[in-house]
């Protein structure tokens, strides 16, 4: 079979394949591992370690999404490669609780194998002397450059490991900003990437669902261990409604807008990079923090929250709301004032809880009211907006009115 036949026809419309959905199951487990890593170590160092691990998980997943945007998952070689990558991702997820301990080398080697192995296939499955081959080689060199920092970091302990891995993460995350510049190779233009907008947006929506699923899992698993009295029932209901609010804030219209913007953008590569690859990081982090916060409140609903727990509980909804700011600015050079106001309200609630020490359930209930307030305000103004304002907003967002 010719190497080029491993790739999709860029003119075809396609959605997420069954293999990609199967592949995502590993990341359900990985997100669970990340949230438990943070829950077990609610300190600034624990937060840094959990954030680093999450960035690694995210980078492994989203690069695979960029790859499957081009590769035809119905082809046998592509299926084999994705299944091998899936196994390596599972190993990486297994190592997460001890990534900064005894399983650091397993974590690092798994990640390096995922990135270099996938990129090598993507590069050499393209025909020689094509843009796809040249582009793939640039990215492969960047991954190879970062690999020694991952491996050396795994061989040292403590702060040295964090330092080496921070350097490696910086290399990985800076690559897209400079279009994987390599001095001795011809510069690659952003036009070298061809994005299928429907498939691409759908994949990021599905990962958001995976993260939201973690809040459901933690809520259900925690509640199952508790005596189901009135207080537990109220905490359970608050946790579920909070998750529903997070879903609403993303999927009610934001997900549709982002997909349409990507579909109509002249430079899909830049939009895909800015509002999906980078822009969704804060959204996912916020959801995971909300899951951690729900677990804390469910476990100790009548107790006041100590500072580490309070920071985690408040940071979830506040960061989630603020995560939409860079995306809105990138698209319209404006700010989502209702969501910014909601984030400010969450921070104010956190300050109130720090000073007054109300029960955790009260703090959680106030944060839930802040989310409901943002949703209500957005819904009301969306339907009360005049036709002229609706059209003006549509032009700014590069989408058609519904």
Protein backbone atom coordinates (compact mmCIF):
# COMPACT_ATOMS: atom_id res chain seq x y z
CA UNK A 1 0.00 0.00 0.00
CA UNK A 2 1.48 3.40 -0.87
CA UNK A 3 2.48 5.43 2.13
CA UNK A 4 0.28 8.35 1.11
CA UNK A 5 -2.87 6.16 1.35
CA UNK A 6 -2.56 6.24 5.13
CA UNK A 7 -3.81 9.83 4.93
CA UNK A 8 -7.30 11.20 4.56
CA UNK A 9 -8.64 13.08 1.58
CA UNK A 10 -8.61 16.68 2.94
CA UNK A 11 -11.69 17.54 0.88
CA UNK A 12 -13.88 14.93 2.59
CA UNK A 13 -16.09 15.67 5.60
CA UNK A 14 -15.70 13.21 8.46
CA UNK A 15 -16.34 12.90 12.17
CA UNK A 16 -14.63 11.10 15.02
CA UNK A 17 -14.12 7.41 14.29
CA UNK A 18 -14.90 4.50 16.60
CA UNK A 19 -11.18 3.96 17.05
CA UNK A 20 -10.73 7.53 18.25
CA UNK A 21 -13.57 7.10 20.75
CA UNK A 22 -11.92 3.87 21.94
CA UNK A 23 -8.59 5.70 22.18
CA UNK A 24 -10.20 8.35 24.42
CA UNK A 25 -11.05 5.73 27.05
CA UNK A 26 -7.45 5.82 28.21
CA UNK A 27 -7.77 9.51 28.90
CA UNK A 28 -10.86 8.96 31.05
CA UNK A 29 -8.51 7.02 33.31
CA UNK A 30 -5.70 9.58 32.93
CA UNK A 31 -7.93 12.48 34.01
CA UNK A 32 -9.04 10.45 37.02
CA UNK A 33 -5.41 9.87 37.93
CA UNK A 34 -4.64 13.58 37.68
CA UNK A 35 -7.57 14.60 39.89
CA UNK A 36 -6.61 12.03 42.53
CA UNK A 37 -2.99 13.18 42.41
CA UNK A 38 -4.14 16.68 43.33
CA UNK A 39 -6.65 15.49 45.94
CA UNK A 40 -3.95 13.56 47.77
CA UNK A 41 -1.54 16.50 47.85
CA UNK A 42 -3.37 19.83 48.20
CA UNK A 43 -0.25 21.98 48.45
CA UNK A 44 1.37 24.44 46.06
CA UNK A 45 3.93 21.81 45.14
CA UNK A 46 1.18 19.25 44.65
CA UNK A 47 -0.69 21.70 42.45
CA UNK A 48 2.44 22.28 40.36
CA UNK A 49 3.04 18.55 39.94
CA UNK A 50 -0.59 17.89 39.02
CA UNK A 51 -0.51 20.78 36.53
CA UNK A 52 2.66 19.45 34.90
CA UNK A 53 1.20 15.96 34.61
CA UNK A 54 -2.01 17.32 33.13
CA UNK A 55 -0.06 19.35 30.55
CA UNK A 56 1.74 16.17 29.52
CA UNK A 57 -1.54 14.26 29.22
CA UNK A 58 -3.09 17.09 27.23
CA UNK A 59 -0.13 17.38 24.88
CA UNK A 60 -0.14 13.66 24.17
CA UNK A 61 -3.87 13.70 23.42
CA UNK A 62 -4.10 16.85 21.34
CA UNK A 63 -1.13 15.94 19.12
CA UNK A 64 -2.85 12.64 18.42
CA UNK A 65 -5.96 14.62 17.46
CA UNK A 66 -3.93 16.71 15.01
CA UNK A 67 -2.52 13.47 13.60
CA UNK A 68 -5.88 11.71 13.21
CA UNK A 69 -7.18 14.84 11.53
CA UNK A 70 -4.92 13.75 8.65
CA UNK A 71 -4.60 10.00 9.04
CA UNK A 72 -7.31 7.62 7.85
CA UNK A 73 -8.15 5.49 10.87
CA UNK A 74 -9.74 2.86 8.63
CA UNK A 75 -6.29 1.98 7.26
CA UNK A 76 -4.62 -0.97 8.97
CA UNK A 77 -1.21 0.68 9.60
CA UNK A 78 -2.92 3.69 11.17
CA UNK A 79 -5.04 1.47 13.39
CA UNK A 80 -1.98 -0.45 14.54
CA UNK A 81 -0.06 2.73 15.36
CA UNK A 82 -2.97 4.24 17.27
CA UNK A 83 -3.45 1.08 19.32
CA UNK A 84 0.26 1.04 20.19
CA UNK A 85 0.07 4.70 21.18
CA UNK A 86 -3.03 3.91 23.22
CA UNK A 87 -1.11 1.26 25.17
CA UNK A 88 1.73 3.70 25.80
CA UNK A 89 -0.80 6.31 26.98
CA UNK A 90 -2.24 3.76 29.39
CA UNK A 91 1.25 3.07 30.78
CA UNK A 92 1.79 6.81 31.16
CA UNK A 93 -1.52 7.12 33.02
CA UNK A 94 -0.61 4.20 35.30
CA UNK A 95 2.57 6.04 36.27
CA UNK A 96 0.85 9.37 37.09
CA UNK A 97 0.47 8.88 40.89
CA UNK A 98 4.21 8.19 41.18
CA UNK A 99 5.38 10.36 38.28
CA UNK A 100 7.46 12.42 40.72
CA UNK A 101 8.45 9.31 42.63
CA UNK A 102 9.47 5.78 41.71
CA UNK A 103 7.62 5.66 38.35
CA UNK A 104 9.11 8.81 36.88
CA UNK A 105 11.07 6.90 34.25
CA UNK A 106 8.01 4.93 33.14
CA UNK A 107 6.05 8.17 32.86
CA UNK A 108 8.74 9.97 30.87
CA UNK A 109 9.63 7.08 28.56
CA UNK A 110 5.95 6.46 27.78
CA UNK A 111 5.42 10.10 26.88
CA UNK A 112 8.56 10.30 24.76
CA UNK A 113 7.62 7.08 22.95
CA UNK A 114 4.12 8.44 22.27
CA UNK A 115 5.33 11.70 20.79
CA UNK A 116 8.31 10.46 18.81
CA UNK A 117 6.63 7.24 17.64
CA UNK A 118 3.47 8.95 16.44
CA UNK A 119 5.35 11.79 14.80
CA UNK A 120 7.76 9.43 13.07
CA UNK A 121 4.84 7.55 11.55
CA UNK A 122 3.09 10.77 10.56
CA UNK A 123 6.29 12.04 8.94
CA UNK A 124 7.34 8.98 7.03
CA UNK A 125 3.84 7.97 5.97
CA UNK A 126 3.89 11.13 3.86
CA UNK A 127 5.45 10.92 0.43
CA UNK A 128 9.02 12.26 0.07
CA UNK A 129 9.51 15.89 -0.98
CA UNK A 130 6.00 16.91 0.13
CA UNK A 131 4.91 19.62 2.53
CA UNK A 132 3.55 16.96 4.89
CA UNK A 133 6.96 15.22 5.05
CA UNK A 134 8.83 18.49 5.60
CA UNK A 135 6.38 19.69 8.24
CA UNK A 136 6.45 16.36 10.05
CA UNK A 137 10.25 16.37 10.15
CA UNK A 138 10.28 19.77 11.84
CA UNK A 139 7.98 18.56 14.61
CA UNK A 140 9.89 15.30 14.99
CA UNK A 141 13.13 17.21 15.55
CA UNK A 142 11.47 19.30 18.26
CA UNK A 143 10.26 16.18 20.06
CA UNK A 144 13.72 14.63 19.82
CA UNK A 145 15.23 17.83 21.23
CA UNK A 146 12.88 17.72 24.25
CA UNK A 147 13.31 13.96 24.86
CA UNK A 148 16.68 14.11 26.74
CA UNK A 149 15.21 16.59 29.23
CA UNK A 150 12.32 14.23 29.93
CA UNK A 151 14.59 11.23 30.39
CA UNK A 152 17.28 12.98 32.42
CA UNK A 153 14.57 14.51 34.59
CA UNK A 154 13.22 11.03 35.29
CA UNK A 155 16.67 9.89 36.43
CA UNK A 156 17.02 12.62 39.07
CA UNK A 157 14.83 13.35 42.08
CA UNK A 158 13.01 16.20 43.76
CA UNK A 159 13.40 19.74 42.53
CA UNK A 160 15.86 18.66 39.84
CA UNK A 161 13.18 16.50 38.21
CA UNK A 162 10.72 19.37 38.26
CA UNK A 163 13.32 21.70 36.72
CA UNK A 164 14.23 19.35 33.87
CA UNK A 165 10.60 18.58 33.11
CA UNK A 166 9.68 22.26 33.13
CA UNK A 167 12.36 22.83 30.50
CA UNK A 168 10.98 19.91 28.47
CA UNK A 169 7.42 21.24 28.75
CA UNK A 170 8.59 24.69 27.67
CA UNK A 171 10.19 23.21 24.56
CA UNK A 172 7.07 21.19 23.74
CA UNK A 173 4.66 24.07 24.28
CA UNK A 174 6.75 26.67 22.44
CA UNK A 175 6.99 24.62 19.24
CA UNK A 176 3.64 25.66 17.74
CA UNK A 177 4.29 29.35 18.49
CA UNK A 178 7.37 29.39 16.27
CA UNK A 179 5.93 26.92 13.72
CA UNK A 180 8.58 24.38 14.75
CA UNK A 181 11.45 26.45 13.41
CA UNK A 182 14.61 24.42 12.70
CA UNK A 183 17.63 26.50 11.56
CA UNK A 184 18.98 24.02 9.01
CA UNK A 185 15.61 23.21 7.43
CA UNK A 186 13.40 25.29 5.18
CA UNK A 187 10.82 27.23 7.18
CA UNK A 188 7.33 25.71 7.28
CA UNK A 189 4.31 27.91 6.65
CA UNK A 190 1.08 27.54 8.67
CA UNK A 191 -0.57 26.71 5.34
CA UNK A 192 1.17 23.33 5.54
CA UNK A 193 -1.59 22.07 7.84
CA UNK A 194 -5.05 21.17 6.55
CA UNK A 195 -7.71 20.97 9.25
CA UNK A 196 -11.06 19.24 8.86
CA UNK A 197 -13.07 21.68 10.98
CA UNK A 198 -15.96 19.35 11.90
CA UNK A 199 -13.71 16.50 13.01
CA UNK A 200 -11.24 18.78 14.79
CA UNK A 201 -13.85 20.68 16.82
CA UNK A 202 -15.70 17.47 17.65
CA UNK A 203 -12.58 15.89 19.09
CA UNK A 204 -12.01 18.79 21.49
CA UNK A 205 -15.67 18.74 22.46
CA UNK A 206 -15.31 15.06 23.28
CA UNK A 207 -12.30 15.70 25.51
CA UNK A 208 -14.30 18.35 27.34
CA UNK A 209 -16.96 15.68 27.90
CA UNK A 210 -14.24 13.36 29.24
CA UNK A 211 -13.22 16.01 31.79
CA UNK A 212 -16.85 16.64 32.74
CA UNK A 213 -17.24 12.89 33.14
CA UNK A 214 -14.61 13.01 35.86
CA UNK A 215 -16.82 15.33 37.93
CA UNK A 216 -19.68 12.84 37.55
CA UNK A 217 -17.46 9.90 38.49
CA UNK A 218 -16.04 11.62 41.57
CA UNK A 219 -19.50 12.79 42.65
CA UNK A 220 -21.00 9.32 42.28
CA UNK A 221 -18.07 7.43 43.80
CA UNK A 222 -17.81 9.76 46.78
CA UNK A 223 -21.56 9.79 47.46
CA UNK A 224 -21.67 5.98 47.31
CA UNK A 225 -19.30 5.82 50.28
CA UNK A 226 -21.33 8.20 52.45
CA UNK A 227 -24.47 7.85 54.55
CA UNK A 228 -27.20 9.33 52.37
CA UNK A 229 -28.79 11.86 54.72
CA UNK A 230 -30.24 15.31 53.94
CA UNK A 231 -26.87 17.07 53.99
CA UNK A 232 -25.31 14.50 51.67
CA UNK A 233 -28.32 14.76 49.36
CA UNK A 234 -27.94 18.55 49.18
CA UNK A 235 -24.20 18.29 48.53
CA UNK A 236 -24.82 15.66 45.87
CA UNK A 237 -27.44 17.80 44.15
CA UNK A 238 -25.18 20.86 44.26
CA UNK A 239 -22.28 18.90 42.74
CA UNK A 240 -24.45 17.55 39.93
CA UNK A 241 -26.04 20.91 39.11
CA UNK A 242 -22.59 22.49 39.15
CA UNK A 243 -21.42 19.97 36.55
CA UNK A 244 -24.52 20.66 34.48
CA UNK A 245 -23.66 24.37 34.62
CA UNK A 246 -20.15 23.70 33.34
CA UNK A 247 -21.64 21.69 30.48
CA UNK A 248 -24.14 24.46 29.69
CA UNK A 249 -21.49 27.19 29.65
CA UNK A 250 -19.51 25.31 27.01
CA UNK A 251 -22.08 23.46 24.93
CA UNK A 252 -25.10 25.78 24.94
CA UNK A 253 -23.63 27.93 22.18
CA UNK A 254 -19.87 28.28 22.69
CA UNK A 255 -19.01 24.91 21.14
CA UNK A 256 -21.12 25.70 18.05
CA UNK A 257 -19.53 29.13 17.67
CA UNK A 258 -16.01 27.74 17.89
CA UNK A 259 -16.74 25.09 15.28
CA UNK A 260 -18.23 27.65 12.90
CA UNK A 261 -15.34 30.06 13.44
CA UNK A 262 -12.88 27.30 12.60
CA UNK A 263 -14.88 26.28 9.54
CA UNK A 264 -15.00 29.82 8.16
CA UNK A 265 -11.50 30.97 9.19
CA UNK A 266 -9.01 31.85 6.48
CA UNK A 267 -6.17 30.58 8.65
CA UNK A 268 -7.55 27.43 10.26
CA UNK A 269 -4.14 26.42 11.57
CA UNK A 270 -3.80 29.55 13.71
CA UNK A 271 -7.38 29.28 14.99
CA UNK A 272 -6.93 25.57 15.73
CA UNK A 273 -3.73 26.31 17.63
CA UNK A 274 -4.98 29.35 19.56
CA UNK A 275 -8.55 28.49 20.58
CA UNK A 276 -8.32 24.70 20.68
CA UNK A 277 -4.76 23.52 21.38
CA UNK A 278 -3.97 26.33 23.82
CA UNK A 279 -7.40 27.84 24.47
CA UNK A 280 -8.93 24.65 25.90
CA UNK A 281 -6.22 24.10 28.53
CA UNK A 282 -7.82 26.47 31.04
CA UNK A 283 -11.24 24.95 30.38
CA UNK A 284 -9.99 21.45 31.17
CA UNK A 285 -8.03 22.59 34.23
CA UNK A 286 -11.09 24.41 35.54
CA UNK A 287 -13.28 21.34 35.14
CA UNK A 288 -10.79 19.12 36.95
CA UNK A 289 -10.53 21.61 39.82
CA UNK A 290 -14.33 21.66 40.01
CA UNK A 291 -14.30 17.87 40.30
CA UNK A 292 -11.77 18.09 43.13
CA UNK A 293 -13.84 20.80 44.82
CA UNK A 294 -17.03 18.73 44.58
CA UNK A 295 -15.28 15.80 46.25
CA UNK A 296 -14.02 18.02 49.07
CA UNK A 297 -17.48 19.47 49.75
CA UNK A 298 -19.19 16.07 49.56
CA UNK A 299 -16.72 14.59 52.04
CA UNK A 300 -16.85 17.46 54.58
CA UNK A 301 -20.09 19.40 53.93
CA UNK A 302 -20.55 20.66 57.51
CA UNK A 303 -16.92 21.68 58.13
CA UNK A 304 -15.35 24.96 57.14
CA UNK A 305 -12.74 24.80 54.44
CA UNK A 306 -9.10 25.22 55.33
CA UNK A 307 -7.07 27.39 52.99
CA UNK A 308 -5.81 24.67 50.58
CA UNK A 309 -9.29 23.17 50.24
CA UNK A 310 -10.89 26.61 49.88
CA UNK A 311 -8.45 27.59 47.13
CA UNK A 312 -9.22 24.38 45.22
CA UNK A 313 -12.99 24.78 45.62
CA UNK A 314 -13.02 28.42 44.48
CA UNK A 315 -10.36 28.10 41.79
CA UNK A 316 -12.40 25.57 39.80
CA UNK A 317 -15.39 27.70 38.74
CA UNK A 318 -13.34 30.94 38.70
CA UNK A 319 -10.70 29.53 36.37
CA UNK A 320 -13.30 27.83 34.20
CA UNK A 321 -15.10 31.12 33.62
CA UNK A 322 -11.86 33.01 33.01
CA UNK A 323 -10.71 30.34 30.55
CA UNK A 324 -13.09 31.79 27.95
CA UNK A 325 -11.44 35.22 28.10
CA UNK A 326 -8.45 34.46 25.81
CA UNK A 327 -10.73 32.76 23.27
CA UNK A 328 -13.16 35.68 23.14
CA UNK A 329 -10.28 38.14 22.87
CA UNK A 330 -8.69 36.12 20.08
CA UNK A 331 -11.93 36.15 18.11
CA UNK A 332 -13.39 39.61 18.73
CA UNK A 333 -10.81 41.62 20.74
CA UNK A 334 -13.55 41.88 23.33
CA UNK A 335 -14.18 40.31 26.72
CA UNK A 336 -16.99 38.02 27.92
CA UNK A 337 -17.97 40.43 30.68
CA UNK A 338 -20.64 38.21 32.19
CA UNK A 339 -18.17 35.37 32.64
CA UNK A 340 -15.50 37.70 33.98
CA UNK A 341 -18.06 39.09 36.43
CA UNK A 342 -18.95 35.53 37.45
CA UNK A 343 -15.28 34.75 38.10
CA UNK A 344 -14.96 37.90 40.22
CA UNK A 345 -18.04 36.82 42.17
CA UNK A 346 -16.42 33.40 42.80
CA UNK A 347 -13.27 35.08 44.11
CA UNK A 348 -15.39 37.34 46.34
CA UNK A 349 -17.15 34.27 47.70
CA UNK A 350 -13.75 32.74 48.41
CA UNK A 351 -12.69 35.83 50.37
CA UNK A 352 -15.97 35.75 52.29
CA UNK A 353 -15.46 32.07 53.13
CA UNK A 354 -11.87 32.73 54.24
CA UNK A 355 -12.99 35.46 56.64
CA UNK A 356 -16.30 34.04 57.92
CA UNK A 357 -15.62 30.26 57.81
CA UNK A 358 -19.08 29.05 56.73
CA UNK A 359 -19.68 25.30 56.22
CA UNK A 360 -18.26 23.88 52.99
CA UNK A 361 -21.75 23.23 51.64
CA UNK A 362 -22.65 26.92 52.03
CA UNK A 363 -19.52 27.96 50.13
CA UNK A 364 -20.28 25.45 47.40
CA UNK A 365 -23.88 26.63 47.21
CA UNK A 366 -22.80 30.26 46.78
CA UNK A 367 -20.39 29.29 44.00
CA UNK A 368 -23.19 27.36 42.31
CA UNK A 369 -25.40 30.46 42.47
CA UNK A 370 -22.62 32.42 40.76
CA UNK A 371 -22.55 29.92 37.87
CA UNK A 372 -26.34 29.93 37.60
CA UNK A 373 -26.29 33.72 37.58
CA UNK A 374 -23.88 33.81 34.63
CA UNK A 375 -25.98 31.31 32.69
CA UNK A 376 -29.22 33.15 33.43
CA UNK A 377 -27.77 36.51 32.40
CA UNK A 378 -26.32 35.11 29.17
CA UNK A 379 -29.56 33.33 28.31
CA UNK A 380 -31.71 36.38 28.94
CA UNK A 381 -29.56 38.76 26.92
CA UNK A 382 -29.11 36.26 24.13
CA UNK A 383 -32.83 36.12 23.47
CA UNK A 384 -33.50 39.82 24.22
CA UNK A 385 -30.77 41.09 21.87
CA UNK A 386 -32.04 43.03 18.85
CA UNK A 387 -31.63 41.65 15.34
CA UNK A 388 -29.06 44.32 14.49
CA UNK A 389 -26.95 43.45 17.55
CA UNK A 390 -27.28 39.74 16.75
CA UNK A 391 -26.00 40.30 13.23
CA UNK A 392 -23.16 42.48 14.50
CA UNK A 393 -22.11 39.79 16.97
CA UNK A 394 -22.28 37.19 14.22
CA UNK A 395 -19.95 39.24 12.04
CA UNK A 396 -17.50 39.66 14.90
CA UNK A 397 -17.50 35.95 15.58
CA UNK A 398 -17.34 35.06 11.87
CA UNK A 399 -20.41 32.86 12.13
CA UNK A 400 -23.90 32.93 10.69
CA UNK A 401 -26.84 33.64 12.92
CA UNK A 402 -28.90 30.61 13.75
